[in-house]
Amino acid sequence: EAPAGALPAQEVSLDVLREKYARGDERTIGDVQRRIARALAALEPAARRAEWERRYLEAQQQGFIPAGRIASAAGLGLSATLINCFV
């Protein structure tokens, strides 16, 4: 899932991912990124959601990192605000 030439994830990074951001059956950064992309795309017009989901996922794969609150709650139906900064 890592881009070509990327360093492998450190075990401590995967531990943080699983503890703070992964939900349910999610185990990899790709799993979390797909959930976030799907959640963001859900707000787009229905006819263009698949396109936007692909674009949001691609942006994350190329280095866009949504803020922690978004990464941990998007797409889960929680009563939490997703307003946060983006890094």
PDB file of N, CA and C in Angstrom:
ATOM      1  N   GLU A   1       0.804  -1.197   0.000  1.00  0.00           N
ATOM      2  CA  GLU A   1       0.000   0.000   0.000  1.00  0.00           C
ATOM      3  C   GLU A   1       0.849   1.265   0.000  1.00  0.00           C
ATOM      4  N   ALA A   2       2.071   1.154   0.424  1.00  0.00           N
ATOM      5  CA  ALA A   2       2.945   2.322   0.443  1.00  0.00           C
ATOM      6  C   ALA A   2       3.386   2.653  -0.976  1.00  0.00           C
ATOM      7  N   PRO A   3       3.544   3.940  -1.288  1.00  0.00           N
ATOM      8  CA  PRO A   3       4.020   4.330  -2.613  1.00  0.00           C
ATOM      9  C   PRO A   3       5.409   3.750  -2.872  1.00  0.00           C
ATOM     10  N   ALA A   4       5.737   3.582  -4.146  1.00  0.00           N
ATOM     11  CA  ALA A   4       7.048   3.063  -4.524  1.00  0.00           C
ATOM     12  C   ALA A   4       8.137   3.931  -3.911  1.00  0.00           C
ATOM     13  N   GLY A   5       9.143   3.314  -3.327  1.00  0.00           N
ATOM     14  CA  GLY A   5      10.246   4.038  -2.730  1.00  0.00           C
ATOM     15  C   GLY A   5       9.990   4.502  -1.309  1.00  0.00           C
ATOM     16  N   ALA A   6       8.789   4.280  -0.792  1.00  0.00           N
ATOM     17  CA  ALA A   6       8.466   4.698   0.576  1.00  0.00           C
ATOM     18  C   ALA A   6       9.091   3.732   1.574  1.00  0.00           C
ATOM     19  N   LEU A   7       9.432   4.248   2.718  1.00  0.00           N
ATOM     20  CA  LEU A   7       9.949   3.396   3.784  1.00  0.00           C
ATOM     21  C   LEU A   7       8.808   2.560   4.360  1.00  0.00           C
ATOM     22  N   PRO A   8       9.111   1.364   4.826  1.00  0.00           N
ATOM     23  CA  PRO A   8       8.050   0.565   5.456  1.00  0.00           C
ATOM     24  C   PRO A   8       7.608   1.222   6.763  1.00  0.00           C
ATOM     25  N   ALA A   9       6.369   0.996   7.117  1.00  0.00           N
ATOM     26  CA  ALA A   9       5.838   1.554   8.362  1.00  0.00           C
ATOM     27  C   ALA A   9       6.565   0.938   9.549  1.00  0.00           C
ATOM     28  N   GLN A  10       6.858   1.757  10.545  1.00  0.00           N
ATOM     29  CA  GLN A  10       7.458   1.257  11.772  1.00  0.00           C
ATOM     30  C   GLN A  10       6.359   0.627  12.618  1.00  0.00           C
ATOM     31  N   GLU A  11       6.717  -0.378  13.384  1.00  0.00           N
ATOM     32  CA  GLU A  11       5.727  -1.086  14.195  1.00  0.00           C
ATOM     33  C   GLU A  11       5.013  -0.146  15.164  1.00  0.00           C
ATOM     34  N   VAL A  12       5.741   0.810  15.737  1.00  0.00           N
ATOM     35  CA  VAL A  12       5.116   1.756  16.668  1.00  0.00           C
ATOM     36  C   VAL A  12       4.070   2.605  15.941  1.00  0.00           C
ATOM     37  N   SER A  13       4.328   2.951  14.693  1.00  0.00           N
ATOM     38  CA  SER A  13       3.354   3.718  13.910  1.00  0.00           C
ATOM     39  C   SER A  13       2.089   2.901  13.670  1.00  0.00           C
ATOM     40  N   LEU A  14       2.263   1.636  13.382  1.00  0.00           N
ATOM     41  CA  LEU A  14       1.102   0.762  13.176  1.00  0.00           C
ATOM     42  C   LEU A  14       0.320   0.583  14.474  1.00  0.00           C
ATOM     43  N   ASP A  15       1.022   0.521  15.598  1.00  0.00           N
ATOM     44  CA  ASP A  15       0.341   0.417  16.890  1.00  0.00           C
ATOM     45  C   ASP A  15      -0.532   1.642  17.140  1.00  0.00           C
ATOM     46  N   VAL A  16       0.005   2.832  16.864  1.00  0.00           N
ATOM     47  CA  VAL A  16      -0.759   4.074  17.051  1.00  0.00           C
ATOM     48  C   VAL A  16      -1.946   4.093  16.099  1.00  0.00           C
ATOM     49  N   LEU A  17      -1.714   3.718  14.853  1.00  0.00           N
ATOM     50  CA  LEU A  17      -2.805   3.673  13.867  1.00  0.00           C
ATOM     51  C   LEU A  17      -3.941   2.803  14.385  1.00  0.00           C
ATOM     52  N   ARG A  18      -3.608   1.625  14.840  1.00  0.00           N
ATOM     53  CA  ARG A  18      -4.644   0.679  15.288  1.00  0.00           C
ATOM     54  C   ARG A  18      -5.332   1.139  16.571  1.00  0.00           C
ATOM     55  N   GLU A  19      -4.585   1.771  17.463  1.00  0.00           N
ATOM     56  CA  GLU A  19      -5.159   2.213  18.731  1.00  0.00           C
ATOM     57  C   GLU A  19      -6.009   3.465  18.588  1.00  0.00           C
ATOM     58  N   LYS A  20      -5.572   4.416  17.779  1.00  0.00           N
ATOM     59  CA  LYS A  20      -6.221   5.729  17.727  1.00  0.00           C
ATOM     60  C   LYS A  20      -7.161   5.927  16.534  1.00  0.00           C
ATOM     61  N   TYR A  21      -6.876   5.281  15.408  1.00  0.00           N
ATOM     62  CA  TYR A  21      -7.612   5.611  14.183  1.00  0.00           C
ATOM     63  C   TYR A  21      -8.366   4.449  13.554  1.00  0.00           C
ATOM     64  N   ALA A  22      -7.842   3.250  13.622  1.00  0.00           N
ATOM     65  CA  ALA A  22      -8.508   2.107  12.999  1.00  0.00           C
ATOM     66  C   ALA A  22      -9.751   1.730  13.805  1.00  0.00           C
ATOM     67  N   ARG A  23     -10.787   1.346  13.101  1.00  0.00           N
ATOM     68  CA  ARG A  23     -12.045   0.961  13.745  1.00  0.00           C
ATOM     69  C   ARG A  23     -12.516  -0.365  13.157  1.00  0.00           C
ATOM     70  N   GLY A  24     -13.215  -1.137  13.942  1.00  0.00           N
ATOM     71  CA  GLY A  24     -13.780  -2.399  13.448  1.00  0.00           C
ATOM     72  C   GLY A  24     -12.701  -3.325  12.922  1.00  0.00           C
ATOM     73  N   ASP A  25     -12.844  -3.734  11.661  1.00  0.00           N
ATOM     74  CA  ASP A  25     -11.904  -4.663  11.033  1.00  0.00           C
ATOM     75  C   ASP A  25     -10.709  -3.963  10.390  1.00  0.00           C
ATOM     76  N   GLU A  26     -10.610  -2.656  10.514  1.00  0.00           N
ATOM     77  CA  GLU A  26      -9.496  -1.925   9.895  1.00  0.00           C
ATOM     78  C   GLU A  26      -8.183  -2.324  10.562  1.00  0.00           C
ATOM     79  N   ARG A  27      -7.173  -2.609   9.745  1.00  0.00           N
ATOM     80  CA  ARG A  27      -5.872  -3.013  10.273  1.00  0.00           C
ATOM     81  C   ARG A  27      -4.723  -2.242   9.632  1.00  0.00           C
ATOM     82  N   THR A  28      -4.959  -1.637   8.468  1.00  0.00           N
ATOM     83  CA  THR A  28      -3.884  -0.968   7.734  1.00  0.00           C
ATOM     84  C   THR A  28      -4.236   0.488   7.488  1.00  0.00           C
ATOM     85  N   ILE A  29      -3.228   1.268   7.126  1.00  0.00           N
ATOM     86  CA  ILE A  29      -3.474   2.665   6.768  1.00  0.00           C
ATOM     87  C   ILE A  29      -4.421   2.728   5.570  1.00  0.00           C
ATOM     88  N   GLY A  30      -4.300   1.779   4.655  1.00  0.00           N
ATOM     89  CA  GLY A  30      -5.198   1.742   3.499  1.00  0.00           C
ATOM     90  C   GLY A  30      -6.648   1.568   3.906  1.00  0.00           C
ATOM     91  N   ASP A  31      -6.893   0.723   4.908  1.00  0.00           N
ATOM     92  CA  ASP A  31      -8.253   0.532   5.415  1.00  0.00           C
ATOM     93  C   ASP A  31      -8.813   1.850   5.950  1.00  0.00           C
ATOM     94  N   VAL A  32      -8.012   2.551   6.740  1.00  0.00           N
ATOM     95  CA  VAL A  32      -8.442   3.815   7.324  1.00  0.00           C
ATOM     96  C   VAL A  32      -8.644   4.857   6.225  1.00  0.00           C
ATOM     97  N   GLN A  33      -7.726   4.917   5.287  1.00  0.00           N
ATOM     98  CA  GLN A  33      -7.842   5.883   4.195  1.00  0.00           C
ATOM     99  C   GLN A  33      -9.098   5.645   3.368  1.00  0.00           C
ATOM    100  N   ARG A  34      -9.428   4.399   3.104  1.00  0.00           N
ATOM    101  CA  ARG A  34     -10.640   4.101   2.322  1.00  0.00           C
ATOM    102  C   ARG A  34     -11.896   4.542   3.067  1.00  0.00           C
ATOM    103  N   ARG A  35     -11.929   4.323   4.391  1.00  0.00           N
ATOM    104  CA  ARG A  35     -13.086   4.772   5.183  1.00  0.00           C
ATOM    105  C   ARG A  35     -13.222   6.286   5.121  1.00  0.00           C
ATOM    106  N   ILE A  36     -12.119   6.983   5.281  1.00  0.00           N
ATOM    107  CA  ILE A  36     -12.148   8.439   5.247  1.00  0.00           C
ATOM    108  C   ILE A  36     -12.597   8.926   3.874  1.00  0.00           C
ATOM    109  N   ALA A  37     -12.046   8.360   2.822  1.00  0.00           N
ATOM    110  CA  ALA A  37     -12.415   8.764   1.463  1.00  0.00           C
ATOM    111  C   ALA A  37     -13.904   8.537   1.212  1.00  0.00           C
ATOM    112  N   ARG A  38     -14.408   7.397   1.650  1.00  0.00           N
ATOM    113  CA  ARG A  38     -15.830   7.068   1.479  1.00  0.00           C
ATOM    114  C   ARG A  38     -16.697   8.060   2.255  1.00  0.00           C
ATOM    115  N   ALA A  39     -16.293   8.391   3.476  1.00  0.00           N
ATOM    116  CA  ALA A  39     -17.066   9.324   4.307  1.00  0.00           C
ATOM    117  C   ALA A  39     -17.079  10.721   3.701  1.00  0.00           C
ATOM    118  N   LEU A  40     -15.949  11.184   3.230  1.00  0.00           N
ATOM    119  CA  LEU A  40     -15.895  12.512   2.609  1.00  0.00           C
ATOM    120  C   LEU A  40     -16.718  12.540   1.325  1.00  0.00           C
ATOM    121  N   ALA A  41     -16.621  11.491   0.531  1.00  0.00           N
ATOM    122  CA  ALA A  41     -17.358  11.429  -0.734  1.00  0.00           C
ATOM    123  C   ALA A  41     -18.860  11.348  -0.513  1.00  0.00           C
ATOM    124  N   ALA A  42     -19.296  10.848   0.626  1.00  0.00           N
ATOM    125  CA  ALA A  42     -20.726  10.717   0.911  1.00  0.00           C
ATOM    126  C   ALA A  42     -21.437  12.069   0.908  1.00  0.00           C
ATOM    127  N   LEU A  43     -20.688  13.132   1.060  1.00  0.00           N
ATOM    128  CA  LEU A  43     -21.275  14.473   1.072  1.00  0.00           C
ATOM    129  C   LEU A  43     -21.373  15.087  -0.321  1.00  0.00           C
ATOM    130  N   GLU A  44     -20.826  14.417  -1.303  1.00  0.00           N
ATOM    131  CA  GLU A  44     -20.855  14.896  -2.684  1.00  0.00           C
ATOM    132  C   GLU A  44     -22.156  14.453  -3.361  1.00  0.00           C
ATOM    133  N   PRO A  45     -22.511  15.091  -4.487  1.00  0.00           N
ATOM    134  CA  PRO A  45     -23.704  14.642  -5.227  1.00  0.00           C
ATOM    135  C   PRO A  45     -23.608  13.150  -5.571  1.00  0.00           C
ATOM    136  N   ALA A  46     -24.692  12.440  -5.428  1.00  0.00           N
ATOM    137  CA  ALA A  46     -24.700  10.985  -5.593  1.00  0.00           C
ATOM    138  C   ALA A  46     -24.060  10.521  -6.895  1.00  0.00           C
ATOM    139  N   ALA A  47     -24.318  11.218  -7.970  1.00  0.00           N
ATOM    140  CA  ALA A  47     -23.796  10.803  -9.275  1.00  0.00           C
ATOM    141  C   ALA A  47     -22.279  10.892  -9.364  1.00  0.00           C
ATOM    142  N   ARG A  48     -21.654  11.640  -8.465  1.00  0.00           N
ATOM    143  CA  ARG A  48     -20.197  11.827  -8.541  1.00  0.00           C
ATOM    144  C   ARG A  48     -19.456  11.250  -7.341  1.00  0.00           C
ATOM    145  N   ARG A  49     -20.153  10.543  -6.480  1.00  0.00           N
ATOM    146  CA  ARG A  49     -19.514  10.035  -5.262  1.00  0.00           C
ATOM    147  C   ARG A  49     -18.353   9.089  -5.534  1.00  0.00           C
ATOM    148  N   ALA A  50     -18.505   8.178  -6.469  1.00  0.00           N
ATOM    149  CA  ALA A  50     -17.418   7.228  -6.759  1.00  0.00           C
ATOM    150  C   ALA A  50     -16.174   7.975  -7.230  1.00  0.00           C
ATOM    151  N   GLU A  51     -16.368   8.962  -8.078  1.00  0.00           N
ATOM    152  CA  GLU A  51     -15.236   9.766  -8.553  1.00  0.00           C
ATOM    153  C   GLU A  51     -14.555  10.475  -7.396  1.00  0.00           C
ATOM    154  N   TRP A  52     -15.347  11.089  -6.511  1.00  0.00           N
ATOM    155  CA  TRP A  52     -14.770  11.822  -5.383  1.00  0.00           C
ATOM    156  C   TRP A  52     -14.123  10.891  -4.374  1.00  0.00           C
ATOM    157  N   GLU A  53     -14.692   9.728  -4.171  1.00  0.00           N
ATOM    158  CA  GLU A  53     -14.064   8.768  -3.266  1.00  0.00           C
ATOM    159  C   GLU A  53     -12.676   8.400  -3.785  1.00  0.00           C
ATOM    160  N   ARG A  54     -12.592   8.149  -5.086  1.00  0.00           N
ATOM    161  CA  ARG A  54     -11.298   7.835  -5.704  1.00  0.00           C
ATOM    162  C   ARG A  54     -10.324   8.989  -5.534  1.00  0.00           C
ATOM    163  N   ARG A  55     -10.785  10.206  -5.744  1.00  0.00           N
ATOM    164  CA  ARG A  55      -9.919  11.381  -5.636  1.00  0.00           C
ATOM    165  C   ARG A  55      -9.466  11.624  -4.194  1.00  0.00           C
ATOM    166  N   TYR A  56     -10.369  11.455  -3.237  1.00  0.00           N
ATOM    167  CA  TYR A  56      -9.996  11.633  -1.831  1.00  0.00           C
ATOM    168  C   TYR A  56      -8.992  10.560  -1.390  1.00  0.00           C
ATOM    169  N   LEU A  57      -9.195   9.334  -1.848  1.00  0.00           N
ATOM    170  CA  LEU A  57      -8.255   8.269  -1.517  1.00  0.00           C
ATOM    171  C   LEU A  57      -6.896   8.555  -2.148  1.00  0.00           C
ATOM    172  N   GLU A  58      -6.898   8.934  -3.395  1.00  0.00           N
ATOM    173  CA  GLU A  58      -5.645   9.243  -4.086  1.00  0.00           C
ATOM    174  C   GLU A  58      -4.895  10.381  -3.387  1.00  0.00           C
ATOM    175  N   ALA A  59      -5.603  11.395  -2.958  1.00  0.00           N
ATOM    176  CA  ALA A  59      -4.962  12.517  -2.254  1.00  0.00           C
ATOM    177  C   ALA A  59      -4.265  12.018  -0.986  1.00  0.00           C
ATOM    178  N   GLN A  60      -4.917  11.138  -0.241  1.00  0.00           N
ATOM    179  CA  GLN A  60      -4.306  10.595   0.969  1.00  0.00           C
ATOM    180  C   GLN A  60      -3.080   9.746   0.637  1.00  0.00           C
ATOM    181  N   GLN A  61      -3.187   8.972  -0.422  1.00  0.00           N
ATOM    182  CA  GLN A  61      -2.064   8.118  -0.812  1.00  0.00           C
ATOM    183  C   GLN A  61      -0.866   8.939  -1.278  1.00  0.00           C
ATOM    184  N   GLN A  62      -1.117  10.157  -1.698  1.00  0.00           N
ATOM    185  CA  GLN A  62      -0.039  11.031  -2.155  1.00  0.00           C
ATOM    186  C   GLN A  62       0.446  11.983  -1.072  1.00  0.00           C
ATOM    187  N   GLY A  63      -0.048  11.828   0.154  1.00  0.00           N
ATOM    188  CA  GLY A  63       0.503  12.592   1.253  1.00  0.00           C
ATOM    189  C   GLY A  63      -0.440  13.490   2.016  1.00  0.00           C
ATOM    190  N   PHE A  64      -1.676  13.672   1.554  1.00  0.00           N
ATOM    191  CA  PHE A  64      -2.646  14.469   2.304  1.00  0.00           C
ATOM    192  C   PHE A  64      -3.032  13.693   3.558  1.00  0.00           C
ATOM    193  N   ILE A  65      -2.906  14.325   4.704  1.00  0.00           N
ATOM    194  CA  ILE A  65      -3.224  13.667   5.968  1.00  0.00           C
ATOM    195  C   ILE A  65      -4.305  14.463   6.685  1.00  0.00           C
ATOM    196  N   PRO A  66      -5.537  13.957   6.724  1.00  0.00           N
ATOM    197  CA  PRO A  66      -6.587  14.648   7.473  1.00  0.00           C
ATOM    198  C   PRO A  66      -6.225  14.692   8.955  1.00  0.00           C
ATOM    199  N   ALA A  67      -6.689  15.703   9.624  1.00  0.00           N
ATOM    200  CA  ALA A  67      -6.416  15.840  11.057  1.00  0.00           C
ATOM    201  C   ALA A  67      -6.966  14.640  11.828  1.00  0.00           C
ATOM    202  N   GLY A  68      -6.448  14.439  13.018  1.00  0.00           N
ATOM    203  CA  GLY A  68      -6.770  13.264  13.820  1.00  0.00           C
ATOM    204  C   GLY A  68      -8.237  13.036  14.076  1.00  0.00           C
ATOM    205  N   ARG A  69      -8.973  14.090  14.352  1.00  0.00           N
ATOM    206  CA  ARG A  69     -10.398  13.943  14.634  1.00  0.00           C
ATOM    207  C   ARG A  69     -11.121  13.382  13.415  1.00  0.00           C
ATOM    208  N   ILE A  70     -10.738  13.830  12.236  1.00  0.00           N
ATOM    209  CA  ILE A  70     -11.347  13.339  11.005  1.00  0.00           C
ATOM    210  C   ILE A  70     -10.954  11.877  10.790  1.00  0.00           C
ATOM    211  N   ALA A  71      -9.665  11.579  10.948  1.00  0.00           N
ATOM    212  CA  ALA A  71      -9.184  10.215  10.738  1.00  0.00           C
ATOM    213  C   ALA A  71      -9.821   9.223  11.706  1.00  0.00           C
ATOM    214  N   SER A  72     -10.116   9.663  12.908  1.00  0.00           N
ATOM    215  CA  SER A  72     -10.657   8.722  13.883  1.00  0.00           C
ATOM    216  C   SER A  72     -12.173   8.594  13.850  1.00  0.00           C
ATOM    217  N   ALA A  73     -12.895   9.569  13.287  1.00  0.00           N
ATOM    218  CA  ALA A  73     -14.356   9.539  13.381  1.00  0.00           C
ATOM    219  C   ALA A  73     -15.102   9.544  12.044  1.00  0.00           C
ATOM    220  N   ALA A  74     -14.474   9.945  10.966  1.00  0.00           N
ATOM    221  CA  ALA A  74     -15.186  10.048   9.681  1.00  0.00           C
ATOM    222  C   ALA A  74     -15.773   8.704   9.263  1.00  0.00           C
ATOM    223  N   GLY A  75     -17.028   8.740   8.887  1.00  0.00           N
ATOM    224  CA  GLY A  75     -17.692   7.547   8.388  1.00  0.00           C
ATOM    225  C   GLY A  75     -18.210   6.602   9.452  1.00  0.00           C
ATOM    226  N   LEU A  76     -18.144   6.994  10.704  1.00  0.00           N
ATOM    227  CA  LEU A  76     -18.573   6.096  11.778  1.00  0.00           C
ATOM    228  C   LEU A  76     -19.927   6.455  12.370  1.00  0.00           C
ATOM    229  N   GLY A  77     -20.504   7.574  11.947  1.00  0.00           N
ATOM    230  CA  GLY A  77     -21.806   7.967  12.460  1.00  0.00           C
ATOM    231  C   GLY A  77     -21.768   8.427  13.907  1.00  0.00           C
ATOM    232  N   LEU A  78     -20.622   8.848  14.370  1.00  0.00           N
ATOM    233  CA  LEU A  78     -20.496   9.338  15.740  1.00  0.00           C
ATOM    234  C   LEU A  78     -21.051  10.749  15.846  1.00  0.00           C
ATOM    235  N   SER A  79     -21.468  11.125  17.023  1.00  0.00           N
ATOM    236  CA  SER A  79     -21.930  12.496  17.264  1.00  0.00           C
ATOM    237  C   SER A  79     -20.743  13.359  17.668  1.00  0.00           C
ATOM    238  N   ALA A  80     -19.763  13.407  16.807  1.00  0.00           N
ATOM    239  CA  ALA A  80     -18.557  14.196  17.070  1.00  0.00           C
ATOM    240  C   ALA A  80     -18.349  15.145  15.907  1.00  0.00           C
ATOM    241  N   THR A  81     -17.889  16.335  16.211  1.00  0.00           N
ATOM    242  CA  THR A  81     -17.596  17.261  15.131  1.00  0.00           C
ATOM    243  C   THR A  81     -16.337  16.828  14.399  1.00  0.00           C
ATOM    244  N   LEU A  82     -16.343  16.977  13.104  1.00  0.00           N
ATOM    245  CA  LEU A  82     -15.160  16.637  12.312  1.00  0.00           C
ATOM    246  C   LEU A  82     -14.414  17.910  11.920  1.00  0.00           C
ATOM    247  N   ILE A  83     -14.847  19.042  12.462  1.00  0.00           N
ATOM    248  CA  ILE A  83     -14.170  20.297  12.155  1.00  0.00           C
ATOM    249  C   ILE A  83     -12.814  20.269  12.820  1.00  0.00           C
ATOM    250  N   ASN A  84     -11.806  20.462  12.034  1.00  0.00           N
ATOM    251  CA  ASN A  84     -10.453  20.422  12.533  1.00  0.00           C
ATOM    252  C   ASN A  84      -9.548  20.978  11.442  1.00  0.00           C
ATOM    253  N   CYS A  85      -8.304  21.184  11.752  1.00  0.00           N
ATOM    254  CA  CYS A  85      -7.379  21.659  10.735  1.00  0.00           C
ATOM    255  C   CYS A  85      -6.849  20.466   9.950  1.00  0.00           C
ATOM    256  N   PHE A  86      -6.262  20.733   8.820  1.00  0.00           N
ATOM    257  CA  PHE A  86      -5.626  19.702   8.006  1.00  0.00           C
ATOM    258  C   PHE A  86      -4.139  19.996   7.993  1.00  0.00           C
ATOM    259  N   VAL A  87      -3.333  18.950   8.086  1.00  0.00           N
ATOM    260  CA  VAL A  87      -1.883  19.097   8.089  1.00  0.00           C
ATOM    261  C   VAL A  87      -1.363  18.616   6.759  1.00  0.00           C
TER     262      VAL A  87
END
